[in-house]
C-alpha atoms as a PDB file:
ATOM      1  CA  MET A   1     -78.893   0.670  27.714  1.00  0.00           C
ATOM      2  CA  THR A   2     -76.702  -1.274  25.321  1.00  0.00           C
ATOM      3  CA  SER A   3     -78.831  -0.447  22.319  1.00  0.00           C
ATOM      4  CA  ASP A   4     -78.837   3.276  23.210  1.00  0.00           C
ATOM      5  CA  ASN A   5     -75.000   3.321  23.452  1.00  0.00           C
ATOM      6  CA  SER A   6     -74.684   1.595  20.094  1.00  0.00           C
ATOM      7  CA  VAL A   7     -76.983   4.157  18.501  1.00  0.00           C
ATOM      8  CA  ASN A   8     -74.978   7.058  19.991  1.00  0.00           C
ATOM      9  CA  THR A   9     -71.659   5.539  18.821  1.00  0.00           C
ATOM     10  CA  GLU A  10     -73.002   5.072  15.311  1.00  0.00           C
ATOM     11  CA  ARG A  11     -74.202   8.667  15.183  1.00  0.00           C
ATOM     12  CA  THR A  12     -70.797   9.930  16.366  1.00  0.00           C
ATOM     13  CA  GLN A  13     -68.945   7.906  13.694  1.00  0.00           C
ATOM     14  CA  ARG A  14     -71.301   9.230  11.021  1.00  0.00           C
ATOM     15  CA  THR A  15     -70.446  12.752  12.172  1.00  0.00           C
ATOM     16  CA  ILE A  16     -66.619  12.235  12.372  1.00  0.00           C
ATOM     17  CA  ARG A  17     -65.993  10.191   9.233  1.00  0.00           C
ATOM     18  CA  PRO A  18     -67.228  12.814   6.735  1.00  0.00           C
ATOM     19  CA  GLN A  19     -65.017  15.418   8.444  1.00  0.00           C
ATOM     20  CA  GLN A  20     -61.954  13.142   8.246  1.00  0.00           C
ATOM     21  CA  PHE A  21     -62.691  12.357   4.621  1.00  0.00           C
ATOM     22  CA  VAL A  22     -62.908  16.050   3.730  1.00  0.00           C
ATOM     23  CA  ARG A  23     -59.583  16.763   5.512  1.00  0.00           C
ATOM     24  CA  GLU A  24     -57.810  13.914   3.703  1.00  0.00           C
ATOM     25  CA  LYS A  25     -59.075  15.265   0.396  1.00  0.00           C
ATOM     26  CA  GLU A  26     -57.681  18.709   1.245  1.00  0.00           C
ATOM     27  CA  LEU A  27     -54.271  17.260   2.128  1.00  0.00           C
ATOM     28  CA  ILE A  28     -54.131  15.353  -1.168  1.00  0.00           C
ATOM     29  CA  ARG A  29     -54.978  18.522  -3.109  1.00  0.00           C
ATOM     30  CA  GLU A  30     -52.289  20.498  -1.246  1.00  0.00           C
ATOM     31  CA  LYS A  31     -49.688  17.779  -1.955  1.00  0.00           C
ATOM     32  CA  GLU A  32     -50.642  17.666  -5.651  1.00  0.00           C
ATOM     33  CA  ALA A  33     -50.397  21.444  -5.834  1.00  0.00           C
ATOM     34  CA  LEU A  34     -46.888  21.417  -4.291  1.00  0.00           C
ATOM     35  CA  GLN A  35     -45.574  18.472  -6.338  1.00  0.00           C
ATOM     36  CA  PRO A  36     -44.826  20.428  -9.583  1.00  0.00           C
ATOM     37  CA  GLU A  37     -42.986  23.057  -7.545  1.00  0.00           C
ATOM     38  CA  MET A  38     -40.918  20.391  -5.738  1.00  0.00           C
ATOM     39  CA  GLN A  39     -40.119  18.670  -9.019  1.00  0.00           C
ATOM     40  CA  GLN A  40     -39.070  21.986 -10.529  1.00  0.00           C
ATOM     41  CA  GLN A  41     -36.762  22.705  -7.577  1.00  0.00           C
ATOM     42  CA  GLN A  42     -35.234  19.230  -7.839  1.00  0.00           C
ATOM     43  CA  GLN A  43     -34.661  19.665 -11.574  1.00  0.00           C
ATOM     44  CA  GLN A  44     -33.042  23.040 -10.987  1.00  0.00           C
ATOM     45  CA  GLN A  45     -30.732  21.509  -8.366  1.00  0.00           C
ATOM     46  CA  GLN A  46     -29.766  18.667 -10.674  1.00  0.00           C
ATOM     47  CA  ALA A  47     -29.200  21.072 -13.575  1.00  0.00           C
ATOM     48  CA  GLY A  48     -27.047  23.417 -11.543  1.00  0.00           C
ATOM     49  CA  GLY A  49     -25.356  20.896  -9.249  1.00  0.00           C
ATOM     50  CA  LYS A  50     -23.587  17.549  -9.284  1.00  0.00           C
ATOM     51  CA  ALA A  51     -25.136  14.475  -7.694  1.00  0.00           C
ATOM     52  CA  CYS A  52     -22.816  12.262  -5.623  1.00  0.00           C
ATOM     53  CA  PRO A  53     -22.809   8.661  -6.939  1.00  0.00           C
ATOM     54  CA  PHE A  54     -22.244   7.362  -3.394  1.00  0.00           C
ATOM     55  CA  CYS A  55     -24.856   9.162  -1.262  1.00  0.00           C
ATOM     56  CA  GLY A  56     -26.950  11.114  -3.814  1.00  0.00           C
ATOM     57  CA  ALA A  57     -26.266  14.545  -2.307  1.00  0.00           C
ATOM     58  CA  ILE A  58     -26.282  17.526  -4.711  1.00  0.00           C
ATOM     59  CA  ASN A  59     -22.950  19.375  -4.884  1.00  0.00           C
ATOM     60  CA  ASP A  60     -21.665  22.454  -6.653  1.00  0.00           C
ATOM     61  CA  PRO A  61     -20.923  21.918 -10.371  1.00  0.00           C
ATOM     62  CA  GLU A  62     -17.180  22.446  -9.872  1.00  0.00           C
ATOM     63  CA  ALA A  63     -16.959  20.207  -6.776  1.00  0.00           C
ATOM     64  CA  MET A  64     -14.401  17.388  -6.938  1.00  0.00           C
ATOM     65  CA  PHE A  65     -15.465  15.762  -3.667  1.00  0.00           C
ATOM     66  CA  CYS A  66     -18.897  15.301  -2.114  1.00  0.00           C
ATOM     67  CA  ALA A  67     -19.606  17.800   0.676  1.00  0.00           C
ATOM     68  CA  GLN A  68     -21.805  15.221   2.380  1.00  0.00           C
ATOM     69  CA  CYS A  69     -19.730  12.004   2.389  1.00  0.00           C
ATOM     70  CA  GLY A  70     -16.297  13.175   1.158  1.00  0.00           C
ATOM     71  CA  GLN A  71     -16.078  10.704  -1.732  1.00  0.00           C
ATOM     72  CA  PRO A  72     -14.621  11.836  -5.111  1.00  0.00           C
ATOM     73  CA  ILE A  73     -17.480  12.678  -7.458  1.00  0.00           C
ATOM     74  CA  SER A  74     -15.588  13.493 -10.641  1.00  0.00           C
ATOM     75  CA  LYS A  75     -12.413  12.641 -12.504  1.00  0.00           C
ATOM     76  CA  ALA A  76      -9.369  14.773 -13.208  1.00  0.00           C
ATOM     77  CA  THR A  77      -7.079  14.660 -16.245  1.00  0.00           C
ATOM     78  CA  CYS A  78      -3.340  14.017 -16.287  1.00  0.00           C
ATOM     79  CA  PRO A  79      -1.581  17.166 -17.580  1.00  0.00           C
ATOM     80  CA  TYR A  80       1.040  15.019 -19.343  1.00  0.00           C
ATOM     81  CA  CYS A  81      -0.930  12.286 -21.148  1.00  0.00           C
ATOM     82  CA  SER A  82      -4.579  13.407 -20.654  1.00  0.00           C
ATOM     83  CA  SER A  83      -5.497  10.097 -19.012  1.00  0.00           C
ATOM     84  CA  GLU A  84      -8.450  10.118 -16.622  1.00  0.00           C
ATOM     85  CA  ILE A  85      -7.344   9.982 -12.983  1.00  0.00           C
ATOM     86  CA  ASP A  86      -8.936  10.326  -9.547  1.00  0.00           C
ATOM     87  CA  PRO A  87      -8.950  13.898  -8.202  1.00  0.00           C
ATOM     88  CA  ASP A  88      -6.960  12.949  -5.083  1.00  0.00           C
ATOM     89  CA  ALA A  89      -4.245  11.097  -7.038  1.00  0.00           C
ATOM     90  CA  ASP A  90      -0.826  12.770  -7.206  1.00  0.00           C
ATOM     91  CA  PHE A  91       0.744  10.357  -9.698  1.00  0.00           C
ATOM     92  CA  CYS A  92      -0.345   9.126 -13.132  1.00  0.00           C
ATOM     93  CA  GLU A  93      -0.019   5.352 -13.435  1.00  0.00           C
ATOM     94  CA  VAL A  94      -0.292   5.581 -17.244  1.00  0.00           C
ATOM     95  CA  CYS A  95       2.622   7.894 -18.092  1.00  0.00           C
ATOM     96  CA  HIS A  96       4.440   7.600 -14.697  1.00  0.00           C
ATOM     97  CA  HIS A  97       4.583  11.331 -13.939  1.00  0.00           C
ATOM     98  CA  TYR A  98       4.112  13.148 -10.654  1.00  0.00           C
ATOM     99  CA  ILE A  99       1.289  15.595 -11.384  1.00  0.00           C
ATOM    100  CA  ARG A 100       0.847  17.798  -8.313  1.00  0.00           C
ATOM    101  CA  LYS A 101       2.276  21.305  -8.660  1.00  0.00           C
ATOM    102  CA  ASP A 102       1.269  22.513  -5.197  1.00  0.00           C
ATOM    103  CA  VAL A 103       2.884  19.740  -3.113  1.00  0.00           C
ATOM    104  CA  CYS A 104       6.571  18.803  -2.959  1.00  0.00           C
ATOM    105  CA  SER A 105       6.957  15.179  -4.064  1.00  0.00           C
ATOM    106  CA  TYR A 106       9.970  14.689  -1.764  1.00  0.00           C
ATOM    107  CA  CYS A 107       8.745  16.001   1.597  1.00  0.00           C
ATOM    108  CA  GLY A 108       5.063  16.898   1.127  1.00  0.00           C
ATOM    109  CA  ALA A 109       5.489  20.634   1.792  1.00  0.00           C
ATOM    110  CA  LYS A 110       2.985  23.070   0.271  1.00  0.00           C
ATOM    111  CA  LEU A 111       4.169  24.934  -2.832  1.00  0.00           C
ATOM    112  CA  THR A 112       2.862  27.851  -4.851  1.00  0.00           C
ATOM    113  CA  GLY A 113       3.678  26.040  -8.078  1.00  0.00           C
ATOM    114  CA  ASN A 114       6.434  28.330  -9.343  1.00  0.00           C
ATOM    115  CA  GLU A 115       9.409  27.322  -7.171  1.00  0.00           C
ATOM    116  CA  ALA A 116      12.436  25.732  -8.828  1.00  0.00           C
ATOM    117  CA  TYR A 117      13.400  24.186  -5.480  1.00  0.00           C
ATOM    118  CA  CYS A 118      11.286  23.187  -2.500  1.00  0.00           C
ATOM    119  CA  PRO A 119      11.734  25.859   0.214  1.00  0.00           C
ATOM    120  CA  GLU A 120      11.283  23.165   2.876  1.00  0.00           C
ATOM    121  CA  CYS A 121      13.707  20.387   1.806  1.00  0.00           C
ATOM    122  CA  GLY A 122      15.643  22.111  -1.014  1.00  0.00           C
ATOM    123  CA  SER A 123      14.951  19.376  -3.576  1.00  0.00           C
ATOM    124  CA  PRO A 124      14.725  20.401  -7.251  1.00  0.00           C
ATOM    125  CA  ARG A 125      11.310  20.280  -8.916  1.00  0.00           C
ATOM    126  CA  GLY A 126      12.795  18.695 -12.049  1.00  0.00           C
ATOM    127  CA  GLY A 127      13.842  15.447 -10.350  1.00  0.00           C
ATOM    128  CA  LEU A 128      16.847  13.841  -8.664  1.00  0.00           C
ATOM    129  CA  VAL A 129      19.372  11.479 -10.248  1.00  0.00           C
ATOM    130  CA  CYS A 130      20.173   8.465  -8.098  1.00  0.00           C
ATOM    131  CA  PRO A 131      23.936   8.311  -7.371  1.00  0.00           C
ATOM    132  CA  THR A 132      23.774   4.491  -7.230  1.00  0.00           C
ATOM    133  CA  CYS A 133      21.864   3.462 -10.373  1.00  0.00           C
ATOM    134  CA  HIS A 134      21.586   6.868 -12.139  1.00  0.00           C
ATOM    135  CA  ALA A 135      17.797   6.666 -12.505  1.00  0.00           C
ATOM    136  CA  MET A 136      15.811   9.923 -12.562  1.00  0.00           C
ATOM    137  CA  ASN A 137      13.398  10.186  -9.636  1.00  0.00           C
ATOM    138  CA  ASP A 138      10.511  12.389  -8.545  1.00  0.00           C
ATOM    139  CA  PHE A 139      10.527  11.025  -5.001  1.00  0.00           C
ATOM    140  CA  ALA A 140      12.795  10.928  -1.941  1.00  0.00           C
ATOM    141  CA  PHE A 141      13.791   7.293  -2.564  1.00  0.00           C
ATOM    142  CA  CYS A 142      15.036   5.821  -5.826  1.00  0.00           C
ATOM    143  CA  LYS A 143      12.258   3.858  -7.504  1.00  0.00           C
ATOM    144  CA  GLN A 144      14.837   1.455  -9.019  1.00  0.00           C
ATOM    145  CA  CYS A 145      17.256   0.589  -6.224  1.00  0.00           C
ATOM    146  CA  GLY A 146      15.670   2.161  -3.116  1.00  0.00           C
ATOM    147  CA  THR A 147      18.555   4.523  -2.290  1.00  0.00           C
ATOM    148  CA  ALA A 148      17.609   7.416   0.015  1.00  0.00           C
ATOM    149  CA  LEU A 149      18.085  10.605  -2.033  1.00  0.00           C
ATOM    150  CA  THR A 150      17.306  13.379   0.471  1.00  0.00           C
ATOM    151  CA  ALA A 151      18.492  14.226   3.967  1.00  0.00           C
ATOM    152  CA  GLU A 152      14.967  13.656   5.306  1.00  0.00           C
ATOM    153  CA  ALA A 153      14.839  10.211   3.689  1.00  0.00           C
ATOM    154  CA  LYS A 154      18.158   9.208   5.243  1.00  0.00           C
ATOM    155  CA  GLU A 155      17.003  10.432   8.655  1.00  0.00           C
ATOM    156  CA  LEU A 156      13.761   8.463   8.300  1.00  0.00           C
ATOM    157  CA  MET A 157      15.755   5.288   7.614  1.00  0.00           C
ATOM    158  CA  LYS A 158      17.871   5.869  10.734  1.00  0.00           C
ATOM    159  CA  GLU A 159      14.757   6.272  12.863  1.00  0.00           C
ATOM    160  CA  LEU A 160      13.162   3.167  11.402  1.00  0.00           C
ATOM    161  CA  GLN A 161      16.275   1.093  12.084  1.00  0.00           C
ATOM    162  CA  LYS A 162      15.589   1.569  15.803  1.00  0.00           C
ATOM    163  CA  ASN A 163      12.259  -0.212  15.418  1.00  0.00           C
ATOM    164  CA  PRO A 164      12.481  -3.782  16.869  1.00  0.00           C
ATOM    165  CA  ASP A 165      10.247  -5.116  14.092  1.00  0.00           C
ATOM    166  CA  TYR A 166      12.559  -3.650  11.463  1.00  0.00           C
ATOM    167  CA  GLN A 167      15.627  -5.105  13.205  1.00  0.00           C
ATOM    168  CA  GLU A 168      14.013  -8.539  13.246  1.00  0.00           C
ATOM    169  CA  LEU A 169      13.097  -8.083   9.599  1.00  0.00           C
ATOM    170  CA  MET A 170      16.701  -7.450   8.585  1.00  0.00           C
ATOM    171  CA  ASP A 171      17.906 -10.485  10.572  1.00  0.00           C
ATOM    172  CA  VAL A 172      15.433 -12.737   8.780  1.00  0.00           C
ATOM    173  CA  VAL A 173      16.372 -11.221   5.408  1.00  0.00           C
ATOM    174  CA  GLN A 174      20.031 -12.077   6.051  1.00  0.00           C
ATOM    175  CA  GLU A 175      19.081 -15.643   6.933  1.00  0.00           C
ATOM    176  CA  TYR A 176      16.959 -15.935   3.817  1.00  0.00           C
ATOM    177  CA  SER A 177      19.746 -14.499   1.627  1.00  0.00           C
ATOM    178  CA  ARG A 178      22.152 -17.104   3.028  1.00  0.00           C
ATOM    179  CA  LEU A 179      19.696 -19.858   2.150  1.00  0.00           C
ATOM    180  CA  GLU A 180      19.282 -18.441  -1.350  1.00  0.00           C
ATOM    181  CA  SER A 181      23.029 -18.721  -1.933  1.00  0.00           C
ATOM    182  CA  SER A 182      23.316 -22.193  -0.369  1.00  0.00           C
ATOM    183  CA  LEU A 183      24.293 -25.145  -2.538  1.00  0.00           C
ATOM    184  CA  PRO A 184      22.113 -28.177  -1.689  1.00  0.00           C
ATOM    185  CA  TYR A 185      22.995 -31.834  -2.087  1.00  0.00           C
ATOM    186  CA  ASN A 186      21.911 -33.035  -5.502  1.00  0.00           C
ATOM    187  CA  SER A 187      22.339 -36.738  -4.794  1.00  0.00           C
ATOM    188  CA  GLU A 188      23.537 -39.331  -2.273  1.00  0.00           C
ATOM    189  CA  ARG A 189      26.920 -39.187  -3.952  1.00  0.00           C
ATOM    190  CA  ASP A 190      27.248 -35.530  -2.905  1.00  0.00           C
ATOM    191  CA  ILE A 191      26.618 -36.488   0.721  1.00  0.00           C
ATOM    192  CA  VAL A 192      29.217 -39.293   0.623  1.00  0.00           C
ATOM    193  CA  ARG A 193      31.745 -36.998  -1.039  1.00  0.00           C
ATOM    194  CA  GLU A 194      31.206 -34.349   1.651  1.00  0.00           C
ATOM    195  CA  GLN A 195      31.773 -36.919   4.415  1.00  0.00           C
ATOM    196  CA  MET A 196      34.969 -38.119   2.750  1.00  0.00           C
ATOM    197  CA  ASN A 197      36.227 -34.541   2.487  1.00  0.00           C
ATOM    198  CA  MET A 198      35.557 -33.996   6.200  1.00  0.00           C
ATOM    199  CA  LYS A 199      37.523 -37.118   7.118  1.00  0.00           C
ATOM    200  CA  LEU A 200      40.367 -36.098   4.806  1.00  0.00           C
ATOM    201  CA  ARG A 201      40.461 -32.667   6.468  1.00  0.00           C
ATOM    202  CA  GLU A 202      40.682 -34.192   9.942  1.00  0.00           C
ATOM    203  CA  ARG A 203      43.491 -36.557   8.846  1.00  0.00           C
ATOM    204  CA  MET A 204      45.532 -33.761   7.243  1.00  0.00           C
ATOM    205  CA  LEU A 205      45.186 -31.487  10.298  1.00  0.00           C
ATOM    206  CA  SER A 206      46.133 -34.350  12.618  1.00  0.00           C
ATOM    207  CA  LEU A 207      49.311 -35.136  10.632  1.00  0.00           C
ATOM    208  CA  LEU A 208      50.297 -31.471  10.583  1.00  0.00           C
ATOM    209  CA  ALA A 209      49.786 -31.206  14.331  1.00  0.00           C
ATOM    210  CA  LYS A 210      51.952 -34.319  14.975  1.00  0.00           C
ATOM    211  CA  ASP A 211      54.670 -32.900  12.742  1.00  0.00           C
ATOM    212  CA  ALA A 212      54.551 -29.838  14.965  1.00  0.00           C
ATOM    213  CA  GLY A 213      55.133 -31.990  18.060  1.00  0.00           C
ATOM    214  CA  VAL A 214      51.535 -32.385  19.279  1.00  0.00           C
ATOM    215  CA  GLU A 215      51.082 -36.011  20.374  1.00  0.00           C
ATOM    216  CA  ASN A 216      47.295 -36.168  20.689  1.00  0.00           C
ATOM    217  CA  PRO A 217      45.922 -33.287  18.627  1.00  0.00           C
ATOM    218  CA  VAL A 218      42.260 -32.316  19.033  1.00  0.00           C
ATOM    219  CA  ILE A 219      40.786 -31.480  15.648  1.00  0.00           C
ATOM    220  CA  PRO A 220      37.646 -29.304  15.941  1.00  0.00           C
ATOM    221  CA  LYS A 221      34.613 -30.553  14.118  1.00  0.00           C
ATOM    222  CA  VAL A 222      33.149 -28.425  11.367  1.00  0.00           C
ATOM    223  CA  GLU A 223      29.379 -28.503  11.080  1.00  0.00           C
ATOM    224  CA  THR A 224      28.293 -28.495   7.480  1.00  0.00           C
ATOM    225  CA  LYS A 225      25.448 -26.172   6.504  1.00  0.00           C
ATOM    226  CA  ARG A 226      24.644 -28.050   3.362  1.00  0.00           C
ATOM    227  CA  MET A 227      21.305 -29.816   3.160  1.00  0.00           C
ATOM    228  CA  THR A 228      19.081 -31.575   0.692  1.00  0.00           C
ATOM    229  CA  LYS A 229      16.903 -29.640  -1.752  1.00  0.00           C
ATOM    230  CA  GLU A 230      13.812 -30.557   0.237  1.00  0.00           C
ATOM    231  CA  GLU A 231      15.335 -29.335   3.495  1.00  0.00           C
ATOM    232  CA  LEU A 232      16.514 -26.129   1.839  1.00  0.00           C
ATOM    233  CA  GLU A 233      13.089 -25.357   0.360  1.00  0.00           C
ATOM    234  CA  GLU A 234      11.433 -26.076   3.681  1.00  0.00           C
ATOM    235  CA  GLN A 235      13.690 -23.617   5.502  1.00  0.00           C
ATOM    236  CA  LYS A 236      13.207 -20.958   2.809  1.00  0.00           C
ATOM    237  CA  THR A 237       9.436 -21.345   3.073  1.00  0.00           C
ATOM    238  CA  GLU A 238       9.636 -20.889   6.827  1.00  0.00           C
ATOM    239  CA  LYS A 239      11.736 -17.718   6.424  1.00  0.00           C
ATOM    240  CA  ILE A 240       9.278 -16.297   3.890  1.00  0.00           C
ATOM    241  CA  LYS A 241       6.430 -16.838   6.344  1.00  0.00           C
ATOM    242  CA  ARG A 242       8.364 -14.957   9.020  1.00  0.00           C
ATOM    243  CA  LEU A 243       9.171 -12.165   6.565  1.00  0.00           C
ATOM    244  CA  SER A 244       5.525 -11.846   5.570  1.00  0.00           C
ATOM    245  CA  ALA A 245       4.415 -11.654   9.191  1.00  0.00           C
ATOM    246  CA  ILE A 246       6.894  -8.859   9.971  1.00  0.00           C
ATOM    247  CA  LEU A 247       6.029  -6.968   6.777  1.00  0.00           C
ATOM    248  CA  ASP A 248       2.386  -7.074   7.852  1.00  0.00           C
ATOM    249  CA  LYS A 249       3.382  -5.319  11.078  1.00  0.00           C
ATOM    250  CA  LEU A 250       5.211  -2.636   9.083  1.00  0.00           C
ATOM    251  CA  ALA A 251       2.317  -2.108   6.648  1.00  0.00           C
ATOM    252  CA  VAL A 252       1.525   1.502   5.762  1.00  0.00           C
ATOM    253  CA  PRO A 253      -1.783   2.563   7.361  1.00  0.00           C
ATOM    254  CA  PRO A 254      -4.143   4.972   5.562  1.00  0.00           C
ATOM    255  CA  THR A 255      -2.944   8.545   5.958  1.00  0.00           C
ATOM    256  CA  SER A 256      -3.646  11.971   4.506  1.00  0.00           C
ATOM    257  CA  SER A 257      -0.296  12.424   2.747  1.00  0.00           C
ATOM    258  CA  PRO A 258       0.727  10.303  -0.282  1.00  0.00           C
ATOM    259  CA  VAL A 259       4.289  11.628   0.049  1.00  0.00           C
ATOM    260  CA  GLN A 260       4.660  10.520   3.672  1.00  0.00           C
ATOM    261  CA  ALA A 261       3.135   7.121   2.838  1.00  0.00           C
ATOM    262  CA  ARG A 262       5.663   6.567   0.016  1.00  0.00           C
ATOM    263  CA  ASN A 263       8.607   7.648   2.134  1.00  0.00           C
ATOM    264  CA  TYR A 264       7.697   5.383   5.047  1.00  0.00           C
ATOM    265  CA  ALA A 265       7.128   2.390   2.751  1.00  0.00           C
ATOM    266  CA  MET A 266      10.413   2.900   0.906  1.00  0.00           C
ATOM    267  CA  ALA A 267      12.339   3.380   4.169  1.00  0.00           C
ATOM    268  CA  SER A 268      10.953   0.090   5.495  1.00  0.00           C
ATOM    269  CA  LYS A 269      11.820  -1.913   2.361  1.00  0.00           C
ATOM    270  CA  PRO A 270      14.476  -4.566   3.103  1.00  0.00           C
ATOM    271  CA  MET A 271      17.180  -5.306   0.547  1.00  0.00           C
ATOM    272  CA  GLY A 272      18.226  -8.817  -0.407  1.00  0.00           C
ATOM    273  CA  VAL A 273      14.803 -10.274  -1.160  1.00  0.00           C
ATOM    274  CA  ARG A 274      12.448  -9.788  -4.105  1.00  0.00           C
ATOM    275  CA  LEU A 275       9.403  -7.785  -3.023  1.00  0.00           C
ATOM    276  CA  ALA A 276       6.374  -6.065  -4.509  1.00  0.00           C
ATOM    277  CA  TRP A 277       4.132  -3.354  -3.140  1.00  0.00           C
ATOM    278  CA  VAL A 278       0.427  -4.235  -2.848  1.00  0.00           C
ATOM    279  CA  CYS A 279      -1.655  -1.060  -2.660  1.00  0.00           C
ATOM    280  CA  ASN A 280      -5.073  -0.682  -1.037  1.00  0.00           C
ATOM    281  CA  PHE A 281      -6.147   1.558  -3.933  1.00  0.00           C
ATOM    282  CA  LYS A 282      -6.533  -1.133  -6.608  1.00  0.00           C
ATOM    283  CA  HIS A 283      -4.934  -4.095  -4.798  1.00  0.00           C
ATOM    284  CA  ALA A 284      -2.394  -4.163  -7.626  1.00  0.00           C
ATOM    285  CA  LEU A 285       1.238  -5.286  -7.473  1.00  0.00           C
ATOM    286  CA  HIS A 286       3.716  -2.427  -7.937  1.00  0.00           C
ATOM    287  CA  SER A 287       7.483  -2.600  -7.941  1.00  0.00           C
ATOM    288  CA  SER A 288       7.277   0.104  -5.250  1.00  0.00           C
ATOM    289  CA  PRO A 289       4.786   2.685  -3.901  1.00  0.00           C
ATOM    290  CA  CYS A 290       6.464   5.127  -6.294  1.00  0.00           C
ATOM    291  CA  GLY A 291       4.322   3.545  -9.009  1.00  0.00           C
ATOM    292  CA  CYS A 292       1.029   3.879  -7.110  1.00  0.00           C
ATOM    293  CA  ALA A 293      -1.314   6.829  -7.659  1.00  0.00           C
ATOM    294  CA  LYS A 294      -2.810   6.731  -4.142  1.00  0.00           C
ATOM    295  CA  PRO A 295      -0.375   5.178  -1.619  1.00  0.00           C
ATOM    296  CA  HIS A 296      -2.011   7.178   1.177  1.00  0.00           C
ATOM    297  CA  LEU A 297      -4.830   4.624   1.138  1.00  0.00           C
ATOM    298  CA  GLY A 298      -2.313   2.184   2.613  1.00  0.00           C
ATOM    299  CA  GLY A 299      -0.503  -0.929   1.451  1.00  0.00           C
ATOM    300  CA  LYS A 300       2.300  -3.320   2.293  1.00  0.00           C
ATOM    301  CA  TRP A 301       5.319  -5.156   0.930  1.00  0.00           C
ATOM    302  CA  VAL A 302       4.886  -8.806  -0.027  1.00  0.00           C
ATOM    303  CA  VAL A 303       7.562 -11.409  -0.734  1.00  0.00           C
ATOM    304  CA  LEU A 304       7.566 -12.636  -4.320  1.00  0.00           C
ATOM    305  CA  GLY A 305      10.432 -15.072  -4.069  1.00  0.00           C
ATOM    306  CA  LYS A 306      13.095 -15.857  -6.632  1.00  0.00           C
ATOM    307  CA  ASN A 307      10.931 -17.798  -9.081  1.00  0.00           C
ATOM    308  CA  SER A 308       7.678 -15.885  -8.728  1.00  0.00           C
ATOM    309  CA  THR A 309       5.728 -15.189 -11.914  1.00  0.00           C
ATOM    310  CA  ALA A 310       3.416 -12.614 -10.320  1.00  0.00           C
ATOM    311  CA  GLU A 311       2.785  -9.670 -12.645  1.00  0.00           C
ATOM    312  CA  ILE A 312       3.927  -6.286 -11.401  1.00  0.00           C
ATOM    313  CA  LYS A 313       1.760  -3.488 -12.744  1.00  0.00           C
ATOM    314  CA  ASP A 314       4.311  -0.745 -13.301  1.00  0.00           C
ATOM    315  CA  ASP A 315       7.347  -2.757 -14.414  1.00  0.00           C
ATOM    316  CA  LYS A 316       8.726  -1.437 -17.706  1.00  0.00           C
END
């Protein structure tokens, strides 16, 4: 019985294998016949379309962004200096010009491109002169001194001042500014001299009180705020750490509007400490988001300190 089954199985395989072989040959021929046509279609697509460098999808020749993944697939040109820029940038970092004609640089409202003033916020298209430092500005906050130049910018600052993180930020900035203006002890002699001055003060006030008829005058102690250089630097370092932590909380998240991102960042900038803006676009240091081409990708303020040598990209 076993030998008969083996013979039948062998006969069946001999019958099936030639049929499978013939079918495979037919499929190969069909694939080879279709290959030139597929290659021709692919070449036509590549000739008439634009391949995305990120996902490989074919887009229309005039497309600026990939329809598949949304990434920019071509470069634009600055109308002022002809530098190559990203298509979603609204500011040229080479010649420092705002380049969008269809979006108000002060409030982000849509424009037709021909208005002399924004119909939404009333700001002039030609720029605003800062009343504090007299710099010409294309944005709602002065790029030099940070002054709010529009009614919307001033209102945004008022709203932000209600934020507990911002209130804590300003308190720490005041403490840091006081430390920056503090005069430390330079030597042991300075400490001795300070102690002698305190004793002299107490003696003079005691004599004056006795002359006024006070038998046992109580002279209030005055706590000195002076400290050694090492103590001063230690306290300043601690304040900078606190400032950095709060600035991280107030970092600008990615958003769709470069104008709104700039306005929020400028409204949250504290005065009295040297800062720089670190953008998520190129991770470059800017004096402010007003010098960044794509602030809507997010960024934050960082403390540079008084003696920092960090290079700021758009300083002139």
